[in-house]
Every structure is written in structure tokens, then in C-alpha cells.
Amino acid sequence: MPAIDLTGFTGRLYEDTALSDELPDQAAVVLLKWGEQQLQRLAEKHTDAAAFEVDFERLRDLLKGINRFFRRRQELEAERLADYLQRRVIEPAQALGWPVNPAAAQACLEKQATLDVEVIVHTLLEVVLAAPGSSDVSPQATSPHDDILRPGLRSGPED
């Protein structure tokens, strides 16, 4: 059992509208559930409350970056959107010590204009696929667009 009491932190996660206000309800649920899973894993990692609080804020920054990506993708040119993804998704994930998946980031940037919002959320979560528990909500498990997002993992026969 984790030494950190998650009750208040979980509430803060769900009450912070900046983490999901740019998303349709179903995509917001996916993002917040994933965030809650990561919160649990961070609590298992930390015994020091101050260190946990630092990582909690990093996780919030990451979730906020994913949420805000949806407004930014309509406002920014491709190069600036790539910079945004780097600063607001990749760097916070790396600050948490999670390796990132550059191929998923590139796929997201290339295909984001043609994909459903929920698929993009899954793709952005795949960018931080190496985070513990990411596979619980990854596109591999739930996306009908695996052939677009993950070319090496096609659900049907190879052409």
C-alpha cells in the first residue's frame, strides 16, 4: 500500500478543469483515468510527500499539455505544434523519468488533422507509452486506427 494518501490528490486531478476542458467527455474520461493510474503508480514510487507533490505537479502539467493540444492543433502551424508537443507533453513526461515514444509523437503530428479526438488522446498517451500503466489505455487495446498509429502492429493481414 502506498505511503501517500491519494484522496486529496485524486480529487484535485478530477476537479482541475484545465486538465480536460478542451476535450469531449469520453476523451476526457480516458485522459483522467490514465492520469489517475499514473497517480497511483507515483504514490507507490514515493515515500516522501514533498517529492510526490513535485511529481504530481509534473503529471498535472503533462495532462494539461495533452488537453491543450486540442486547441493548439487548430491554432498553430505544423512546426509550432511540434514545438508545443515537445514542450508540453514530451518534456513533462521526461521530467517524470518516463522515456517517450518519438514515433508515436510523429504519427500524432502527421495524422492529427484526420483523426478522431479520442484516437488522438490515445496517441498522445502512447507518446509516453513507457510510463507505467500506459498500456492499460493504449491504442493497442482500444483504437480502431492501429494501422495508422502503429504501422508495425496491424490488426489485419499484411498487404
N, C-alpha and C. Protein backbone atom coordinates (compact mmCIF):
# COMPACT_ATOMS: atom_id res chain seq x y z
N MET A 1 0.85 -1.18 0.00
CA MET A 1 0.00 0.00 0.00
C MET A 1 0.89 1.24 0.00
N PRO A 2 0.53 2.23 -0.82
CA PRO A 2 1.36 3.42 -0.89
C PRO A 2 1.34 4.21 0.41
N ALA A 3 2.46 4.88 0.69
CA ALA A 3 2.56 5.70 1.90
C ALA A 3 1.88 7.05 1.71
N ILE A 4 1.56 7.41 0.50
CA ILE A 4 0.94 8.70 0.19
C ILE A 4 -0.58 8.51 0.14
N ASP A 5 -1.31 9.39 0.82
CA ASP A 5 -2.77 9.36 0.77
C ASP A 5 -3.22 10.06 -0.51
N LEU A 6 -3.86 9.31 -1.39
CA LEU A 6 -4.23 9.83 -2.71
C LEU A 6 -5.57 10.54 -2.76
N THR A 7 -6.35 10.47 -1.71
CA THR A 7 -7.71 11.02 -1.75
C THR A 7 -7.73 12.47 -2.23
N GLY A 8 -6.98 13.33 -1.61
CA GLY A 8 -6.96 14.74 -1.99
C GLY A 8 -6.36 14.96 -3.36
N PHE A 9 -5.34 14.21 -3.69
CA PHE A 9 -4.69 14.36 -4.99
C PHE A 9 -5.62 13.91 -6.13
N THR A 10 -6.32 12.82 -5.91
CA THR A 10 -7.26 12.34 -6.92
C THR A 10 -8.37 13.37 -7.14
N GLY A 11 -8.87 13.92 -6.06
CA GLY A 11 -9.88 14.98 -6.16
C GLY A 11 -9.37 16.17 -6.93
N ARG A 12 -8.15 16.58 -6.65
CA ARG A 12 -7.55 17.72 -7.36
C ARG A 12 -7.44 17.43 -8.85
N LEU A 13 -7.11 16.20 -9.17
CA LEU A 13 -6.98 15.81 -10.57
C LEU A 13 -8.31 15.96 -11.31
N TYR A 14 -9.37 15.45 -10.71
CA TYR A 14 -10.68 15.48 -11.36
C TYR A 14 -11.34 16.85 -11.31
N GLU A 15 -11.01 17.66 -10.33
CA GLU A 15 -11.63 18.98 -10.20
C GLU A 15 -10.94 20.05 -11.06
N ASP A 16 -9.75 19.78 -11.52
CA ASP A 16 -8.99 20.76 -12.30
C ASP A 16 -9.48 20.76 -13.75
N THR A 17 -10.33 21.71 -14.09
CA THR A 17 -10.90 21.74 -15.44
C THR A 17 -9.84 21.98 -16.51
N ALA A 18 -8.70 22.54 -16.16
CA ALA A 18 -7.64 22.78 -17.13
C ALA A 18 -7.05 21.48 -17.67
N LEU A 19 -7.39 20.36 -17.05
CA LEU A 19 -6.87 19.07 -17.49
C LEU A 19 -7.77 18.41 -18.53
N SER A 20 -8.99 18.92 -18.71
CA SER A 20 -9.91 18.23 -19.63
C SER A 20 -10.90 19.12 -20.35
N ASP A 21 -10.85 20.42 -20.16
CA ASP A 21 -11.90 21.28 -20.71
C ASP A 21 -11.88 21.44 -22.23
N GLU A 22 -10.83 21.03 -22.89
CA GLU A 22 -10.77 21.13 -24.35
C GLU A 22 -11.24 19.84 -25.03
N LEU A 23 -11.61 18.85 -24.24
CA LEU A 23 -11.92 17.52 -24.77
C LEU A 23 -13.40 17.18 -24.67
N PRO A 24 -13.90 16.37 -25.60
CA PRO A 24 -15.24 15.82 -25.43
C PRO A 24 -15.23 14.88 -24.21
N ASP A 25 -16.39 14.62 -23.65
CA ASP A 25 -16.48 13.86 -22.40
C ASP A 25 -15.74 12.53 -22.42
N GLN A 26 -15.97 11.72 -23.45
CA GLN A 26 -15.35 10.39 -23.47
C GLN A 26 -13.82 10.47 -23.51
N ALA A 27 -13.29 11.38 -24.30
CA ALA A 27 -11.83 11.55 -24.37
C ALA A 27 -11.29 12.08 -23.05
N ALA A 28 -12.05 12.97 -22.39
CA ALA A 28 -11.64 13.49 -21.08
C ALA A 28 -11.58 12.38 -20.05
N VAL A 29 -12.54 11.48 -20.09
CA VAL A 29 -12.55 10.34 -19.17
C VAL A 29 -11.31 9.47 -19.38
N VAL A 30 -10.98 9.20 -20.63
CA VAL A 30 -9.79 8.40 -20.94
C VAL A 30 -8.55 9.06 -20.35
N LEU A 31 -8.41 10.36 -20.58
CA LEU A 31 -7.23 11.08 -20.09
C LEU A 31 -7.18 11.10 -18.57
N LEU A 32 -8.28 11.40 -17.92
CA LEU A 32 -8.29 11.48 -16.45
C LEU A 32 -8.10 10.11 -15.81
N LYS A 33 -8.68 9.07 -16.38
CA LYS A 33 -8.47 7.71 -15.84
C LYS A 33 -7.00 7.32 -15.96
N TRP A 34 -6.40 7.64 -17.09
CA TRP A 34 -4.98 7.36 -17.26
C TRP A 34 -4.17 8.14 -16.22
N GLY A 35 -4.52 9.41 -16.03
CA GLY A 35 -3.84 10.23 -15.03
C GLY A 35 -3.99 9.64 -13.64
N GLU A 36 -5.16 9.14 -13.32
CA GLU A 36 -5.38 8.52 -12.01
C GLU A 36 -4.52 7.27 -11.85
N GLN A 37 -4.38 6.48 -12.90
CA GLN A 37 -3.50 5.31 -12.86
C GLN A 37 -2.06 5.73 -12.58
N GLN A 38 -1.63 6.80 -13.26
CA GLN A 38 -0.26 7.28 -13.05
C GLN A 38 -0.08 7.84 -11.65
N LEU A 39 -1.10 8.46 -11.13
CA LEU A 39 -1.06 8.99 -9.77
C LEU A 39 -0.83 7.86 -8.77
N GLN A 40 -1.53 6.77 -8.96
CA GLN A 40 -1.35 5.59 -8.09
C GLN A 40 0.08 5.07 -8.17
N ARG A 41 0.61 4.99 -9.36
CA ARG A 41 1.97 4.49 -9.54
C ARG A 41 3.01 5.45 -8.95
N LEU A 42 2.76 6.74 -9.06
CA LEU A 42 3.66 7.71 -8.43
C LEU A 42 3.63 7.57 -6.91
N ALA A 43 2.45 7.31 -6.37
CA ALA A 43 2.32 7.13 -4.92
C ALA A 43 3.08 5.89 -4.46
N GLU A 44 3.07 4.86 -5.27
CA GLU A 44 3.81 3.65 -4.93
C GLU A 44 5.32 3.87 -5.00
N LYS A 45 5.73 4.82 -5.82
CA LYS A 45 7.15 5.12 -6.00
C LYS A 45 7.71 5.98 -4.86
N HIS A 46 6.88 6.86 -4.31
CA HIS A 46 7.36 7.84 -3.34
C HIS A 46 6.97 7.50 -1.90
N THR A 47 7.89 7.80 -1.00
CA THR A 47 7.58 7.78 0.43
C THR A 47 7.60 9.19 1.00
N ASP A 48 8.25 10.09 0.30
CA ASP A 48 8.36 11.48 0.72
C ASP A 48 7.24 12.30 0.08
N ALA A 49 6.41 12.94 0.91
CA ALA A 49 5.27 13.71 0.41
C ALA A 49 5.70 14.88 -0.47
N ALA A 50 6.80 15.53 -0.15
CA ALA A 50 7.25 16.68 -0.94
C ALA A 50 7.68 16.22 -2.34
N ALA A 51 8.38 15.12 -2.43
CA ALA A 51 8.80 14.60 -3.73
C ALA A 51 7.58 14.14 -4.54
N PHE A 52 6.61 13.57 -3.86
CA PHE A 52 5.39 13.17 -4.54
C PHE A 52 4.67 14.39 -5.10
N GLU A 53 4.59 15.46 -4.33
CA GLU A 53 3.92 16.69 -4.76
C GLU A 53 4.58 17.25 -6.02
N VAL A 54 5.91 17.19 -6.10
CA VAL A 54 6.63 17.66 -7.29
C VAL A 54 6.22 16.83 -8.50
N ASP A 55 6.19 15.50 -8.35
CA ASP A 55 5.79 14.65 -9.46
C ASP A 55 4.31 14.80 -9.79
N PHE A 56 3.48 15.04 -8.80
CA PHE A 56 2.07 15.30 -9.05
C PHE A 56 1.91 16.53 -9.95
N GLU A 57 2.65 17.57 -9.66
CA GLU A 57 2.58 18.78 -10.48
C GLU A 57 3.10 18.52 -11.90
N ARG A 58 4.11 17.67 -12.02
CA ARG A 58 4.61 17.30 -13.35
C ARG A 58 3.54 16.53 -14.12
N LEU A 59 2.86 15.61 -13.43
CA LEU A 59 1.78 14.86 -14.06
C LEU A 59 0.66 15.80 -14.49
N ARG A 60 0.30 16.75 -13.64
CA ARG A 60 -0.72 17.75 -14.00
C ARG A 60 -0.29 18.53 -15.24
N ASP A 61 0.97 18.93 -15.28
CA ASP A 61 1.48 19.66 -16.45
C ASP A 61 1.35 18.81 -17.72
N LEU A 62 1.66 17.53 -17.61
CA LEU A 62 1.55 16.63 -18.75
C LEU A 62 0.10 16.50 -19.20
N LEU A 63 -0.81 16.28 -18.27
CA LEU A 63 -2.23 16.15 -18.61
C LEU A 63 -2.77 17.45 -19.20
N LYS A 64 -2.37 18.56 -18.64
CA LYS A 64 -2.80 19.86 -19.17
C LYS A 64 -2.25 20.06 -20.58
N GLY A 65 -1.02 19.65 -20.80
CA GLY A 65 -0.43 19.77 -22.13
C GLY A 65 -1.18 18.94 -23.16
N ILE A 66 -1.58 17.73 -22.78
CA ILE A 66 -2.36 16.89 -23.70
C ILE A 66 -3.72 17.54 -23.96
N ASN A 67 -4.37 18.01 -22.92
CA ASN A 67 -5.67 18.67 -23.08
C ASN A 67 -5.56 19.88 -23.99
N ARG A 68 -4.59 20.73 -23.76
CA ARG A 68 -4.46 21.97 -24.53
C ARG A 68 -4.00 21.73 -25.97
N PHE A 69 -3.44 20.56 -26.23
CA PHE A 69 -3.03 20.21 -27.58
C PHE A 69 -4.21 20.37 -28.55
N PHE A 70 -5.41 20.09 -28.08
CA PHE A 70 -6.57 20.12 -28.96
C PHE A 70 -6.94 21.52 -29.42
N ARG A 71 -6.76 22.49 -28.58
CA ARG A 71 -6.97 23.88 -29.02
C ARG A 71 -5.81 24.31 -29.89
N ARG A 72 -4.60 23.97 -29.47
CA ARG A 72 -3.41 24.41 -30.19
C ARG A 72 -3.33 23.82 -31.59
N ARG A 73 -3.82 22.62 -31.78
CA ARG A 73 -3.72 21.99 -33.11
C ARG A 73 -4.52 22.75 -34.14
N GLN A 74 -5.51 23.50 -33.72
CA GLN A 74 -6.30 24.31 -34.64
C GLN A 74 -5.70 25.69 -34.85
N GLU A 75 -4.85 26.12 -33.92
CA GLU A 75 -4.30 27.47 -33.96
C GLU A 75 -2.90 27.56 -34.52
N LEU A 76 -2.12 26.50 -34.39
CA LEU A 76 -0.69 26.57 -34.70
C LEU A 76 -0.34 25.90 -36.02
N GLU A 77 0.70 26.41 -36.65
CA GLU A 77 1.28 25.77 -37.83
C GLU A 77 1.99 24.50 -37.37
N ALA A 78 2.28 23.62 -38.31
CA ALA A 78 2.86 22.31 -38.01
C ALA A 78 4.14 22.41 -37.17
N GLU A 79 5.04 23.31 -37.53
CA GLU A 79 6.31 23.43 -36.80
C GLU A 79 6.08 23.88 -35.37
N ARG A 80 5.20 24.83 -35.18
CA ARG A 80 4.91 25.32 -33.83
C ARG A 80 4.14 24.27 -33.01
N LEU A 81 3.31 23.49 -33.68
CA LEU A 81 2.60 22.42 -32.98
C LEU A 81 3.58 21.34 -32.51
N ALA A 82 4.58 21.05 -33.32
CA ALA A 82 5.61 20.08 -32.93
C ALA A 82 6.39 20.61 -31.72
N ASP A 83 6.68 21.90 -31.72
CA ASP A 83 7.35 22.51 -30.58
C ASP A 83 6.47 22.43 -29.33
N TYR A 84 5.19 22.69 -29.49
CA TYR A 84 4.25 22.59 -28.36
C TYR A 84 4.24 21.17 -27.80
N LEU A 85 4.15 20.18 -28.68
CA LEU A 85 4.15 18.79 -28.25
C LEU A 85 5.43 18.46 -27.47
N GLN A 86 6.54 18.95 -27.95
CA GLN A 86 7.82 18.74 -27.26
C GLN A 86 7.81 19.35 -25.86
N ARG A 87 7.42 20.62 -25.78
CA ARG A 87 7.47 21.35 -24.50
C ARG A 87 6.40 20.91 -23.51
N ARG A 88 5.20 20.60 -23.99
CA ARG A 88 4.08 20.39 -23.08
C ARG A 88 3.70 18.93 -22.85
N VAL A 89 4.23 18.01 -23.68
CA VAL A 89 3.93 16.59 -23.49
C VAL A 89 5.22 15.80 -23.26
N ILE A 90 6.14 15.91 -24.17
CA ILE A 90 7.36 15.10 -24.08
C ILE A 90 8.23 15.51 -22.89
N GLU A 91 8.49 16.79 -22.74
CA GLU A 91 9.36 17.23 -21.64
C GLU A 91 8.77 16.93 -20.25
N PRO A 92 7.47 17.17 -20.01
CA PRO A 92 6.93 16.77 -18.70
C PRO A 92 7.03 15.27 -18.45
N ALA A 93 6.83 14.46 -19.49
CA ALA A 93 6.97 13.01 -19.33
C ALA A 93 8.41 12.65 -18.97
N GLN A 94 9.34 13.28 -19.64
CA GLN A 94 10.75 13.02 -19.34
C GLN A 94 11.11 13.50 -17.94
N ALA A 95 10.52 14.61 -17.50
CA ALA A 95 10.77 15.10 -16.14
C ALA A 95 10.30 14.10 -15.09
N LEU A 96 9.30 13.31 -15.45
CA LEU A 96 8.83 12.25 -14.56
C LEU A 96 9.72 11.01 -14.65
N GLY A 97 10.69 11.04 -15.54
CA GLY A 97 11.59 9.91 -15.71
C GLY A 97 11.06 8.87 -16.68
N TRP A 98 10.07 9.22 -17.47
CA TRP A 98 9.47 8.30 -18.42
C TRP A 98 10.07 8.51 -19.79
N PRO A 99 10.62 7.47 -20.40
CA PRO A 99 11.07 7.60 -21.78
C PRO A 99 9.85 7.82 -22.68
N VAL A 100 10.04 8.49 -23.78
CA VAL A 100 8.94 8.78 -24.68
C VAL A 100 9.08 7.98 -25.96
N ASN A 101 8.00 7.92 -26.71
CA ASN A 101 7.96 7.20 -27.97
C ASN A 101 7.92 8.23 -29.10
N PRO A 102 9.08 8.56 -29.69
CA PRO A 102 9.11 9.58 -30.75
C PRO A 102 8.29 9.21 -31.97
N ALA A 103 8.18 7.92 -32.29
CA ALA A 103 7.39 7.50 -33.45
C ALA A 103 5.91 7.82 -33.23
N ALA A 104 5.42 7.63 -32.02
CA ALA A 104 4.02 7.97 -31.73
C ALA A 104 3.81 9.48 -31.80
N ALA A 105 4.79 10.24 -31.34
CA ALA A 105 4.69 11.71 -31.43
C ALA A 105 4.62 12.15 -32.88
N GLN A 106 5.47 11.58 -33.70
CA GLN A 106 5.47 11.94 -35.12
C GLN A 106 4.16 11.53 -35.79
N ALA A 107 3.65 10.33 -35.47
CA ALA A 107 2.38 9.87 -36.04
C ALA A 107 1.25 10.80 -35.64
N CYS A 108 1.29 11.24 -34.39
CA CYS A 108 0.26 12.15 -33.91
C CYS A 108 0.30 13.46 -34.69
N LEU A 109 1.46 14.00 -34.89
CA LEU A 109 1.59 15.26 -35.62
C LEU A 109 1.17 15.11 -37.07
N GLU A 110 1.53 14.01 -37.69
CA GLU A 110 1.23 13.81 -39.10
C GLU A 110 -0.24 13.53 -39.35
N LYS A 111 -0.89 12.84 -38.45
CA LYS A 111 -2.25 12.38 -38.69
C LYS A 111 -3.32 13.12 -37.90
N GLN A 112 -2.92 14.02 -37.00
CA GLN A 112 -3.87 14.62 -36.08
C GLN A 112 -5.04 15.34 -36.76
N ALA A 113 -4.84 15.88 -37.92
CA ALA A 113 -5.92 16.60 -38.60
C ALA A 113 -7.02 15.67 -39.09
N THR A 114 -6.71 14.39 -39.26
CA THR A 114 -7.69 13.45 -39.81
C THR A 114 -8.23 12.46 -38.79
N LEU A 115 -7.73 12.52 -37.57
CA LEU A 115 -8.13 11.54 -36.56
C LEU A 115 -9.18 12.08 -35.60
N ASP A 116 -9.96 11.18 -35.08
CA ASP A 116 -10.93 11.46 -34.04
C ASP A 116 -10.20 11.91 -32.77
N VAL A 117 -10.83 12.78 -31.99
CA VAL A 117 -10.21 13.33 -30.78
C VAL A 117 -9.79 12.23 -29.82
N GLU A 118 -10.63 11.24 -29.61
CA GLU A 118 -10.28 10.17 -28.66
C GLU A 118 -9.07 9.38 -29.15
N VAL A 119 -8.97 9.17 -30.45
CA VAL A 119 -7.81 8.48 -31.01
C VAL A 119 -6.55 9.30 -30.77
N ILE A 120 -6.66 10.61 -30.91
CA ILE A 120 -5.50 11.47 -30.67
C ILE A 120 -5.09 11.40 -29.20
N VAL A 121 -6.06 11.38 -28.29
CA VAL A 121 -5.73 11.23 -26.86
C VAL A 121 -4.94 9.94 -26.65
N HIS A 122 -5.43 8.85 -27.23
CA HIS A 122 -4.71 7.58 -27.10
C HIS A 122 -3.31 7.67 -27.70
N THR A 123 -3.19 8.35 -28.82
CA THR A 123 -1.88 8.50 -29.45
C THR A 123 -0.94 9.31 -28.57
N LEU A 124 -1.45 10.39 -27.99
CA LEU A 124 -0.61 11.20 -27.10
C LEU A 124 -0.21 10.40 -25.87
N LEU A 125 -1.10 9.54 -25.38
CA LEU A 125 -0.72 8.69 -24.25
C LEU A 125 0.32 7.67 -24.69
N GLU A 126 0.26 7.26 -25.95
CA GLU A 126 1.28 6.35 -26.44
C GLU A 126 2.64 7.03 -26.57
N VAL A 127 2.65 8.34 -26.73
CA VAL A 127 3.91 9.08 -26.74
C VAL A 127 4.66 8.81 -25.44
N VAL A 128 3.92 8.70 -24.35
CA VAL A 128 4.52 8.38 -23.05
C VAL A 128 4.23 6.93 -22.68
N LEU A 129 4.25 6.07 -23.70
CA LEU A 129 3.94 4.65 -23.54
C LEU A 129 4.79 3.97 -22.48
N ALA A 130 6.02 4.43 -22.32
CA ALA A 130 6.90 3.79 -21.35
C ALA A 130 6.50 4.09 -19.92
N ALA A 131 5.57 5.01 -19.72
CA ALA A 131 5.09 5.29 -18.37
C ALA A 131 4.38 4.06 -17.84
N PRO A 132 4.60 3.71 -16.57
CA PRO A 132 3.93 2.54 -16.03
C PRO A 132 2.42 2.66 -16.19
N GLY A 133 1.80 1.60 -16.68
CA GLY A 133 0.35 1.59 -16.80
C GLY A 133 -0.18 2.19 -18.08
N SER A 134 0.67 2.73 -18.92
CA SER A 134 0.18 3.35 -20.14
C SER A 134 -0.52 2.34 -21.03
N SER A 135 -0.06 1.11 -21.01
CA SER A 135 -0.66 0.12 -21.89
C SER A 135 -2.10 -0.18 -21.51
N ASP A 136 -2.53 0.20 -20.31
CA ASP A 136 -3.91 -0.05 -19.89
C ASP A 136 -4.91 0.70 -20.76
N VAL A 137 -4.52 1.81 -21.34
CA VAL A 137 -5.43 2.60 -22.18
C VAL A 137 -4.79 2.94 -23.52
N SER A 138 -3.84 2.15 -23.95
CA SER A 138 -3.14 2.47 -25.18
C SER A 138 -4.00 2.17 -26.40
N PRO A 139 -3.66 2.76 -27.55
CA PRO A 139 -4.39 2.47 -28.78
C PRO A 139 -4.35 0.99 -29.13
N GLN A 140 -3.33 0.28 -28.70
CA GLN A 140 -3.23 -1.14 -29.00
C GLN A 140 -4.46 -1.86 -28.48
N ALA A 141 -4.95 -1.44 -27.32
CA ALA A 141 -6.07 -2.12 -26.72
C ALA A 141 -7.41 -1.61 -27.20
N THR A 142 -7.50 -0.33 -27.60
CA THR A 142 -8.82 0.25 -27.79
C THR A 142 -9.02 1.00 -29.10
N SER A 143 -8.01 1.26 -29.86
CA SER A 143 -8.18 2.11 -31.03
C SER A 143 -8.47 1.30 -32.28
N PRO A 144 -9.45 1.75 -33.08
CA PRO A 144 -9.68 1.09 -34.36
C PRO A 144 -8.69 1.55 -35.43
N HIS A 145 -7.76 2.43 -35.05
CA HIS A 145 -6.82 3.02 -36.01
C HIS A 145 -5.39 2.55 -35.80
N ASP A 146 -5.21 1.33 -35.30
CA ASP A 146 -3.86 0.83 -35.06
C ASP A 146 -2.99 0.89 -36.31
N ASP A 147 -3.57 0.64 -37.47
CA ASP A 147 -2.78 0.62 -38.69
C ASP A 147 -2.23 2.01 -39.02
N ILE A 148 -2.93 3.06 -38.60
CA ILE A 148 -2.45 4.42 -38.85
C ILE A 148 -1.41 4.81 -37.80
N LEU A 149 -1.73 4.51 -36.53
CA LEU A 149 -0.89 4.99 -35.44
C LEU A 149 0.32 4.12 -35.19
N ARG A 150 0.19 2.86 -35.43
CA ARG A 150 1.26 1.93 -35.10
C ARG A 150 1.46 1.00 -36.29
N PRO A 151 2.13 1.47 -37.33
CA PRO A 151 2.23 0.70 -38.56
C PRO A 151 2.77 -0.71 -38.38
N GLY A 152 3.59 -0.95 -37.39
CA GLY A 152 4.14 -2.29 -37.19
C GLY A 152 3.18 -3.24 -36.53
N LEU A 153 2.05 -2.75 -36.04
CA LEU A 153 1.10 -3.58 -35.32
C LEU A 153 -0.26 -3.48 -36.01
N ARG A 154 -0.42 -4.16 -37.10
CA ARG A 154 -1.67 -4.12 -37.84
C ARG A 154 -2.59 -5.23 -37.34
N SER A 155 -3.87 -4.91 -37.28
CA SER A 155 -4.81 -5.92 -36.80
C SER A 155 -5.21 -6.90 -37.89
N GLY A 156 -5.09 -6.51 -39.14
CA GLY A 156 -5.47 -7.39 -40.24
C GLY A 156 -4.25 -7.96 -40.92
N PRO A 157 -4.47 -8.75 -41.99
CA PRO A 157 -3.33 -9.32 -42.71
C PRO A 157 -2.51 -8.23 -43.41
N GLU A 158 -1.24 -8.49 -43.55
CA GLU A 158 -0.33 -7.55 -44.22
C GLU A 158 -0.66 -7.50 -45.70
N ASP A 159 -0.53 -6.32 -46.30
CA ASP A 159 -0.78 -6.15 -47.74
C ASP A 159 0.40 -6.63 -48.54
